[in-house]
Amino acid sequence: FERDEVYNQADATGFINLFGLPLKVRALMKKEAGI
């Protein structure tokens, strides 16, 4: 939890975007289909 020099917390953004992509695509489909 202290300061470190080995982990870039900004890397998590891309990871979450890709990890959550199926959820995003499904949500867009439901909205378009009126579900």
ModelCIF file with pLDDT and N, C-alpha, C, O atoms, coordinates in Angstrom:
data_MODEL
#
_entry.id   MODEL 
#
_entity.id                         1 
_entity.type                       polymer 
_entity.pdbx_number_of_molecules   1 
#
_entity_poly.entity_id                      1 
_entity_poly.type                           'polypeptide(L)' 
_entity_poly.nstd_linkage                   no 
_entity_poly.nstd_monomer                   no 
_entity_poly.pdbx_seq_one_letter_code       FERDEVYNQADATGFINLFGLPLKVRALMKKEAGI 
_entity_poly.pdbx_seq_one_letter_code_can   FERDEVYNQADATGFINLFGLPLKVRALMKKEAGI 
_entity_poly.pdbx_strand_id                 A 
#
loop_
_entity_poly_seq.entity_id 
_entity_poly_seq.num 
_entity_poly_seq.mon_id 
_entity_poly_seq.hetero 
1 1  PHE n 
1 2  GLU n 
1 3  ARG n 
1 4  ASP n 
1 5  GLU n 
1 6  VAL n 
1 7  TYR n 
1 8  ASN n 
1 9  GLN n 
1 10 ALA n 
1 11 ASP n 
1 12 ALA n 
1 13 THR n 
1 14 GLY n 
1 15 PHE n 
1 16 ILE n 
1 17 ASN n 
1 18 LEU n 
1 19 PHE n 
1 20 GLY n 
1 21 LEU n 
1 22 PRO n 
1 23 LEU n 
1 24 LYS n 
1 25 VAL n 
1 26 ARG n 
1 27 ALA n 
1 28 LEU n 
1 29 MET n 
1 30 LYS n 
1 31 LYS n 
1 32 GLU n 
1 33 ALA n 
1 34 GLY n 
1 35 ILE n 
#
_struct_asym.id          A 
_struct_asym.entity_id   1 
#
loop_
_ma_qa_metric.id 
_ma_qa_metric.mode 
_ma_qa_metric.name 
_ma_qa_metric.software_group_id 
_ma_qa_metric.type 
1 global pLDDT . pLDDT 
2 local  pLDDT . pLDDT 
#
_ma_qa_metric_global.metric_id      1 
_ma_qa_metric_global.metric_value   92.77 
_ma_qa_metric_global.model_id       1 
_ma_qa_metric_global.ordinal_id     1 
#
loop_
_ma_qa_metric_local.label_asym_id 
_ma_qa_metric_local.label_comp_id 
_ma_qa_metric_local.label_seq_id 
_ma_qa_metric_local.metric_id 
_ma_qa_metric_local.metric_value 
_ma_qa_metric_local.model_id 
_ma_qa_metric_local.ordinal_id 
A PHE 1  2 81.00 1 1  
A GLU 2  2 82.00 1 2  
A ARG 3  2 79.00 1 3  
A ASP 4  2 75.00 1 4  
A GLU 5  2 82.00 1 5  
A VAL 6  2 87.00 1 6  
A TYR 7  2 85.00 1 7  
A ASN 8  2 89.00 1 8  
A GLN 9  2 91.00 1 9  
A ALA 10 2 92.00 1 10 
A ASP 11 2 92.00 1 11 
A ALA 12 2 94.00 1 12 
A THR 13 2 96.00 1 13 
A GLY 14 2 95.00 1 14 
A PHE 15 2 96.00 1 15 
A ILE 16 2 97.00 1 16 
A ASN 17 2 97.00 1 17 
A LEU 18 2 96.00 1 18 
A PHE 19 2 97.00 1 19 
A GLY 20 2 97.00 1 20 
A LEU 21 2 97.00 1 21 
A PRO 22 2 98.00 1 22 
A LEU 23 2 97.00 1 23 
A LYS 24 2 97.00 1 24 
A VAL 25 2 97.00 1 25 
A ARG 26 2 97.00 1 26 
A ALA 27 2 97.00 1 27 
A LEU 28 2 97.00 1 28 
A MET 29 2 96.00 1 29 
A LYS 30 2 96.00 1 30 
A LYS 31 2 95.00 1 31 
A GLU 32 2 95.00 1 32 
A ALA 33 2 97.00 1 33 
A GLY 34 2 96.00 1 34 
A ILE 35 2 95.00 1 35 
#
loop_
_atom_site.group_PDB 
_atom_site.id 
_atom_site.type_symbol 
_atom_site.label_atom_id 
_atom_site.label_alt_id 
_atom_site.label_comp_id 
_atom_site.label_asym_id 
_atom_site.label_entity_id 
_atom_site.label_seq_id 
_atom_site.pdbx_PDB_ins_code 
_atom_site.Cartn_x 
_atom_site.Cartn_y 
_atom_site.Cartn_z 
_atom_site.occupancy 
_atom_site.B_iso_or_equiv 
_atom_site.pdbx_formal_charge 
_atom_site.auth_seq_id 
_atom_site.auth_comp_id 
_atom_site.auth_asym_id 
_atom_site.auth_atom_id 
_atom_site.pdbx_PDB_model_num 
ATOM 1   N N  . PHE A 1 1  ? 0.831   -1.206 0.000   1.00 81.00 ? 1  PHE A N  1 
ATOM 2   C CA . PHE A 1 1  ? 0.000   0.000  0.000   1.00 81.00 ? 1  PHE A CA 1 
ATOM 3   C C  . PHE A 1 1  ? 0.866   1.256  0.000   1.00 81.00 ? 1  PHE A C  1 
ATOM 4   O O  . PHE A 1 1  ? 0.368   2.370  -0.166  1.00 81.00 ? 1  PHE A O  1 
ATOM 5   N N  . GLU A 1 2  ? 2.158   1.059  0.188   1.00 82.00 ? 2  GLU A N  1 
ATOM 6   C CA . GLU A 1 2  ? 3.079   2.191  0.163   1.00 82.00 ? 2  GLU A CA 1 
ATOM 7   C C  . GLU A 1 2  ? 3.487   2.482  -1.282  1.00 82.00 ? 2  GLU A C  1 
ATOM 8   O O  . GLU A 1 2  ? 3.085   1.780  -2.210  1.00 82.00 ? 2  GLU A O  1 
ATOM 9   N N  . ARG A 1 3  ? 4.281   3.516  -1.446  1.00 79.00 ? 3  ARG A N  1 
ATOM 10  C CA . ARG A 1 3  ? 4.750   3.894  -2.788  1.00 79.00 ? 3  ARG A CA 1 
ATOM 11  C C  . ARG A 1 3  ? 5.601   2.773  -3.374  1.00 79.00 ? 3  ARG A C  1 
ATOM 12  O O  . ARG A 1 3  ? 6.429   2.184  -2.679  1.00 79.00 ? 3  ARG A O  1 
ATOM 13  N N  . ASP A 1 4  ? 5.394   2.482  -4.654  1.00 75.00 ? 4  ASP A N  1 
ATOM 14  C CA . ASP A 1 4  ? 6.223   1.449  -5.290  1.00 75.00 ? 4  ASP A CA 1 
ATOM 15  C C  . ASP A 1 4  ? 6.664   1.940  -6.660  1.00 75.00 ? 4  ASP A C  1 
ATOM 16  O O  . ASP A 1 4  ? 6.148   2.919  -7.199  1.00 75.00 ? 4  ASP A O  1 
ATOM 17  N N  . GLU A 1 5  ? 7.659   1.207  -7.208  1.00 82.00 ? 5  GLU A N  1 
ATOM 18  C CA . GLU A 1 5  ? 8.226   1.590  -8.497  1.00 82.00 ? 5  GLU A CA 1 
ATOM 19  C C  . GLU A 1 5  ? 8.025   0.496  -9.549  1.00 82.00 ? 5  GLU A C  1 
ATOM 20  O O  . GLU A 1 5  ? 8.615   0.558  -10.628 1.00 82.00 ? 5  GLU A O  1 
ATOM 21  N N  . VAL A 1 6  ? 7.188   -0.511 -9.237  1.00 87.00 ? 6  VAL A N  1 
ATOM 22  C CA . VAL A 1 6  ? 7.077   -1.654 -10.144 1.00 87.00 ? 6  VAL A CA 1 
ATOM 23  C C  . VAL A 1 6  ? 5.700   -1.783 -10.785 1.00 87.00 ? 6  VAL A C  1 
ATOM 24  O O  . VAL A 1 6  ? 5.519   -2.574 -11.710 1.00 87.00 ? 6  VAL A O  1 
ATOM 25  N N  . TYR A 1 7  ? 4.733   -1.015 -10.301 1.00 85.00 ? 7  TYR A N  1 
ATOM 26  C CA . TYR A 1 7  ? 3.360   -1.197 -10.793 1.00 85.00 ? 7  TYR A CA 1 
ATOM 27  C C  . TYR A 1 7  ? 2.778   0.144  -11.196 1.00 85.00 ? 7  TYR A C  1 
ATOM 28  O O  . TYR A 1 7  ? 2.757   1.090  -10.409 1.00 85.00 ? 7  TYR A O  1 
ATOM 29  N N  . ASN A 1 8  ? 2.306   0.213  -12.432 1.00 89.00 ? 8  ASN A N  1 
ATOM 30  C CA . ASN A 1 8  ? 1.684   1.429  -12.942 1.00 89.00 ? 8  ASN A CA 1 
ATOM 31  C C  . ASN A 1 8  ? 0.169   1.267  -12.842 1.00 89.00 ? 8  ASN A C  1 
ATOM 32  O O  . ASN A 1 8  ? -0.426  0.502  -13.601 1.00 89.00 ? 8  ASN A O  1 
ATOM 33  N N  . GLN A 1 9  ? -0.452  1.983  -11.912 1.00 91.00 ? 9  GLN A N  1 
ATOM 34  C CA . GLN A 1 9  ? -1.878  1.810  -11.671 1.00 91.00 ? 9  GLN A CA 1 
ATOM 35  C C  . GLN A 1 9  ? -2.731  2.211  -12.885 1.00 91.00 ? 9  GLN A C  1 
ATOM 36  O O  . GLN A 1 9  ? -3.860  1.746  -13.035 1.00 91.00 ? 9  GLN A O  1 
ATOM 37  N N  . ALA A 1 10 ? -2.191  3.062  -13.733 1.00 92.00 ? 10 ALA A N  1 
ATOM 38  C CA . ALA A 1 10 ? -2.932  3.468  -14.937 1.00 92.00 ? 10 ALA A CA 1 
ATOM 39  C C  . ALA A 1 10 ? -3.145  2.301  -15.896 1.00 92.00 ? 10 ALA A C  1 
ATOM 40  O O  . ALA A 1 10 ? -4.050  2.343  -16.728 1.00 92.00 ? 10 ALA A O  1 
ATOM 41  N N  . ASP A 1 11 ? -2.299  1.234  -15.785 1.00 92.00 ? 11 ASP A N  1 
ATOM 42  C CA . ASP A 1 11 ? -2.462  0.062  -16.645 1.00 92.00 ? 11 ASP A CA 1 
ATOM 43  C C  . ASP A 1 11 ? -3.816  -0.618 -16.423 1.00 92.00 ? 11 ASP A C  1 
ATOM 44  O O  . ASP A 1 11 ? -4.322  -1.306 -17.309 1.00 92.00 ? 11 ASP A O  1 
ATOM 45  N N  . ALA A 1 12 ? -4.395  -0.422 -15.243 1.00 94.00 ? 12 ALA A N  1 
ATOM 46  C CA . ALA A 1 12 ? -5.666  -1.075 -14.923 1.00 94.00 ? 12 ALA A CA 1 
ATOM 47  C C  . ALA A 1 12 ? -6.801  -0.609 -15.835 1.00 94.00 ? 12 ALA A C  1 
ATOM 48  O O  . ALA A 1 12 ? -7.761  -1.346 -16.059 1.00 94.00 ? 12 ALA A O  1 
ATOM 49  N N  . THR A 1 13 ? -6.694  0.604  -16.359 1.00 96.00 ? 13 THR A N  1 
ATOM 50  C CA . THR A 1 13 ? -7.775  1.137  -17.205 1.00 96.00 ? 13 THR A CA 1 
ATOM 51  C C  . THR A 1 13 ? -7.996  0.276  -18.438 1.00 96.00 ? 13 THR A C  1 
ATOM 52  O O  . THR A 1 13 ? -9.124  -0.122 -18.732 1.00 96.00 ? 13 THR A O  1 
ATOM 53  N N  . GLY A 1 14 ? -6.924  -0.009 -19.154 1.00 95.00 ? 14 GLY A N  1 
ATOM 54  C CA . GLY A 1 14 ? -7.045  -0.841 -20.348 1.00 95.00 ? 14 GLY A CA 1 
ATOM 55  C C  . GLY A 1 14 ? -7.495  -2.256 -20.020 1.00 95.00 ? 14 GLY A C  1 
ATOM 56  O O  . GLY A 1 14 ? -8.291  -2.851 -20.746 1.00 95.00 ? 14 GLY A O  1 
ATOM 57  N N  . PHE A 1 15 ? -6.979  -2.782 -18.928 1.00 96.00 ? 15 PHE A N  1 
ATOM 58  C CA . PHE A 1 15 ? -7.372  -4.132 -18.523 1.00 96.00 ? 15 PHE A CA 1 
ATOM 59  C C  . PHE A 1 15 ? -8.876  -4.207 -18.268 1.00 96.00 ? 15 PHE A C  1 
ATOM 60  O O  . PHE A 1 15 ? -9.551  -5.115 -18.751 1.00 96.00 ? 15 PHE A O  1 
ATOM 61  N N  . ILE A 1 16 ? -9.389  -3.250 -17.509 1.00 97.00 ? 16 ILE A N  1 
ATOM 62  C CA . ILE A 1 16 ? -10.821 -3.268 -17.177 1.00 97.00 ? 16 ILE A CA 1 
ATOM 63  C C  . ILE A 1 16 ? -11.667 -3.065 -18.429 1.00 97.00 ? 16 ILE A C  1 
ATOM 64  O O  . ILE A 1 16 ? -12.724 -3.678 -18.572 1.00 97.00 ? 16 ILE A O  1 
ATOM 65  N N  . ASN A 1 17 ? -11.202 -2.205 -19.338 1.00 97.00 ? 17 ASN A N  1 
ATOM 66  C CA . ASN A 1 17 ? -11.948 -1.986 -20.587 1.00 97.00 ? 17 ASN A CA 1 
ATOM 67  C C  . ASN A 1 17 ? -12.085 -3.285 -21.381 1.00 97.00 ? 17 ASN A C  1 
ATOM 68  O O  . ASN A 1 17 ? -13.164 -3.596 -21.885 1.00 97.00 ? 17 ASN A O  1 
ATOM 69  N N  . LEU A 1 18 ? -11.000 -4.035 -21.489 1.00 96.00 ? 18 LEU A N  1 
ATOM 70  C CA . LEU A 1 18 ? -11.047 -5.299 -22.225 1.00 96.00 ? 18 LEU A CA 1 
ATOM 71  C C  . LEU A 1 18 ? -11.801 -6.379 -21.449 1.00 96.00 ? 18 LEU A C  1 
ATOM 72  O O  . LEU A 1 18 ? -12.588 -7.127 -22.030 1.00 96.00 ? 18 LEU A O  1 
ATOM 73  N N  . PHE A 1 19 ? -11.568 -6.461 -20.160 1.00 97.00 ? 19 PHE A N  1 
ATOM 74  C CA . PHE A 1 19 ? -12.219 -7.472 -19.330 1.00 97.00 ? 19 PHE A CA 1 
ATOM 75  C C  . PHE A 1 19 ? -13.736 -7.249 -19.309 1.00 97.00 ? 19 PHE A C  1 
ATOM 76  O O  . PHE A 1 19 ? -14.514 -8.201 -19.260 1.00 97.00 ? 19 PHE A O  1 
ATOM 77  N N  . GLY A 1 20 ? -14.131 -5.999 -19.346 1.00 97.00 ? 20 GLY A N  1 
ATOM 78  C CA . GLY A 1 20 ? -15.557 -5.672 -19.294 1.00 97.00 ? 20 GLY A CA 1 
ATOM 79  C C  . GLY A 1 20 ? -16.209 -5.505 -20.644 1.00 97.00 ? 20 GLY A C  1 
ATOM 80  O O  . GLY A 1 20 ? -17.400 -5.201 -20.714 1.00 97.00 ? 20 GLY A O  1 
ATOM 81  N N  . LEU A 1 21 ? -15.449 -5.699 -21.745 1.00 97.00 ? 21 LEU A N  1 
ATOM 82  C CA . LEU A 1 21 ? -15.993 -5.485 -23.083 1.00 97.00 ? 21 LEU A CA 1 
ATOM 83  C C  . LEU A 1 21 ? -17.231 -6.349 -23.369 1.00 97.00 ? 21 LEU A C  1 
ATOM 84  O O  . LEU A 1 21 ? -18.201 -5.824 -23.915 1.00 97.00 ? 21 LEU A O  1 
ATOM 85  N N  . PRO A 1 22 ? -17.246 -7.654 -23.024 1.00 98.00 ? 22 PRO A N  1 
ATOM 86  C CA . PRO A 1 22 ? -18.468 -8.440 -23.275 1.00 98.00 ? 22 PRO A CA 1 
ATOM 87  C C  . PRO A 1 22 ? -19.697 -7.862 -22.581 1.00 98.00 ? 22 PRO A C  1 
ATOM 88  O O  . PRO A 1 22 ? -20.796 -7.891 -23.134 1.00 98.00 ? 22 PRO A O  1 
ATOM 89  N N  . LEU A 1 23 ? -19.512 -7.338 -21.371 1.00 97.00 ? 23 LEU A N  1 
ATOM 90  C CA . LEU A 1 23 ? -20.642 -6.743 -20.652 1.00 97.00 ? 23 LEU A CA 1 
ATOM 91  C C  . LEU A 1 23 ? -21.138 -5.483 -21.367 1.00 97.00 ? 23 LEU A C  1 
ATOM 92  O O  . LEU A 1 23 ? -22.340 -5.240 -21.471 1.00 97.00 ? 23 LEU A O  1 
ATOM 93  N N  . LYS A 1 24 ? -20.163 -4.677 -21.863 1.00 97.00 ? 24 LYS A N  1 
ATOM 94  C CA . LYS A 1 24 ? -20.523 -3.453 -22.565 1.00 97.00 ? 24 LYS A CA 1 
ATOM 95  C C  . LYS A 1 24 ? -21.278 -3.766 -23.854 1.00 97.00 ? 24 LYS A C  1 
ATOM 96  O O  . LYS A 1 24 ? -22.298 -3.144 -24.147 1.00 97.00 ? 24 LYS A O  1 
ATOM 97  N N  . VAL A 1 25 ? -20.772 -4.738 -24.627 1.00 97.00 ? 25 VAL A N  1 
ATOM 98  C CA . VAL A 1 25 ? -21.411 -5.103 -25.895 1.00 97.00 ? 25 VAL A CA 1 
ATOM 99  C C  . VAL A 1 25 ? -22.819 -5.623 -25.647 1.00 97.00 ? 25 VAL A C  1 
ATOM 100 O O  . VAL A 1 25 ? -23.741 -5.282 -26.389 1.00 97.00 ? 25 VAL A O  1 
ATOM 101 N N  . ARG A 1 26 ? -23.000 -6.437 -24.625 1.00 97.00 ? 26 ARG A N  1 
ATOM 102 C CA . ARG A 1 26 ? -24.325 -6.982 -24.308 1.00 97.00 ? 26 ARG A CA 1 
ATOM 103 C C  . ARG A 1 26 ? -25.286 -5.865 -23.897 1.00 97.00 ? 26 ARG A C  1 
ATOM 104 O O  . ARG A 1 26 ? -26.449 -5.864 -24.300 1.00 97.00 ? 26 ARG A O  1 
ATOM 105 N N  . ALA A 1 27 ? -24.802 -4.924 -23.102 1.00 97.00 ? 27 ALA A N  1 
ATOM 106 C CA . ALA A 1 27 ? -25.654 -3.811 -22.671 1.00 97.00 ? 27 ALA A CA 1 
ATOM 107 C C  . ALA A 1 27 ? -26.097 -2.961 -23.859 1.00 97.00 ? 27 ALA A C  1 
ATOM 108 O O  . ALA A 1 27 ? -27.245 -2.519 -23.917 1.00 97.00 ? 27 ALA A O  1 
ATOM 109 N N  . LEU A 1 28 ? -25.177 -2.731 -24.813 1.00 97.00 ? 28 LEU A N  1 
ATOM 110 C CA . LEU A 1 28 ? -25.531 -1.960 -26.012 1.00 97.00 ? 28 LEU A CA 1 
ATOM 111 C C  . LEU A 1 28 ? -26.566 -2.697 -26.861 1.00 97.00 ? 28 LEU A C  1 
ATOM 112 O O  . LEU A 1 28 ? -27.487 -2.089 -27.407 1.00 97.00 ? 28 LEU A O  1 
ATOM 113 N N  . MET A 1 29 ? -26.396 -4.024 -26.963 1.00 96.00 ? 29 MET A N  1 
ATOM 114 C CA . MET A 1 29 ? -27.357 -4.817 -27.719 1.00 96.00 ? 29 MET A CA 1 
ATOM 115 C C  . MET A 1 29 ? -28.744 -4.743 -27.093 1.00 96.00 ? 29 MET A C  1 
ATOM 116 O O  . MET A 1 29 ? -29.733 -4.553 -27.801 1.00 96.00 ? 29 MET A O  1 
ATOM 117 N N  . LYS A 1 30 ? -28.826 -4.891 -25.788 1.00 96.00 ? 30 LYS A N  1 
ATOM 118 C CA . LYS A 1 30 ? -30.116 -4.858 -25.093 1.00 96.00 ? 30 LYS A CA 1 
ATOM 119 C C  . LYS A 1 30 ? -30.808 -3.505 -25.277 1.00 96.00 ? 30 LYS A C  1 
ATOM 120 O O  . LYS A 1 30 ? -32.023 -3.425 -25.452 1.00 96.00 ? 30 LYS A O  1 
ATOM 121 N N  . LYS A 1 31 ? -29.995 -2.446 -25.231 1.00 95.00 ? 31 LYS A N  1 
ATOM 122 C CA . LYS A 1 31 ? -30.564 -1.110 -25.405 1.00 95.00 ? 31 LYS A CA 1 
ATOM 123 C C  . LYS A 1 31 ? -31.110 -0.934 -26.810 1.00 95.00 ? 31 LYS A C  1 
ATOM 124 O O  . LYS A 1 31 ? -32.199 -0.392 -26.997 1.00 95.00 ? 31 LYS A O  1 
ATOM 125 N N  . GLU A 1 32 ? -30.347 -1.395 -27.803 1.00 95.00 ? 32 GLU A N  1 
ATOM 126 C CA . GLU A 1 32 ? -30.767 -1.264 -29.191 1.00 95.00 ? 32 GLU A CA 1 
ATOM 127 C C  . GLU A 1 32 ? -31.996 -2.113 -29.490 1.00 95.00 ? 32 GLU A C  1 
ATOM 128 O O  . GLU A 1 32 ? -32.855 -1.723 -30.281 1.00 95.00 ? 32 GLU A O  1 
ATOM 129 N N  . ALA A 1 33 ? -32.073 -3.286 -28.846 1.00 97.00 ? 33 ALA A N  1 
ATOM 130 C CA . ALA A 1 33 ? -33.200 -4.200 -29.079 1.00 97.00 ? 33 ALA A CA 1 
ATOM 131 C C  . ALA A 1 33 ? -34.401 -3.892 -28.206 1.00 97.00 ? 33 ALA A C  1 
ATOM 132 O O  . ALA A 1 33 ? -35.453 -4.511 -28.362 1.00 97.00 ? 33 ALA A O  1 
ATOM 133 N N  . GLY A 1 34 ? -34.261 -2.957 -27.304 1.00 96.00 ? 34 GLY A N  1 
ATOM 134 C CA . GLY A 1 34 ? -35.359 -2.589 -26.423 1.00 96.00 ? 34 GLY A CA 1 
ATOM 135 C C  . GLY A 1 34 ? -35.614 -3.606 -25.326 1.00 96.00 ? 34 GLY A C  1 
ATOM 136 O O  . GLY A 1 34 ? -36.730 -3.718 -24.817 1.00 96.00 ? 34 GLY A O  1 
ATOM 137 N N  . ILE A 1 35 ? -34.577 -4.343 -24.966 1.00 95.00 ? 35 ILE A N  1 
ATOM 138 C CA . ILE A 1 35 ? -34.698 -5.345 -23.888 1.00 95.00 ? 35 ILE A CA 1 
ATOM 139 C C  . ILE A 1 35 ? -34.328 -4.691 -22.569 1.00 95.00 ? 35 ILE A C  1 
ATOM 140 O O  . ILE A 1 35 ? -34.358 -5.345 -21.526 1.00 95.00 ? 35 ILE A O  1 
#
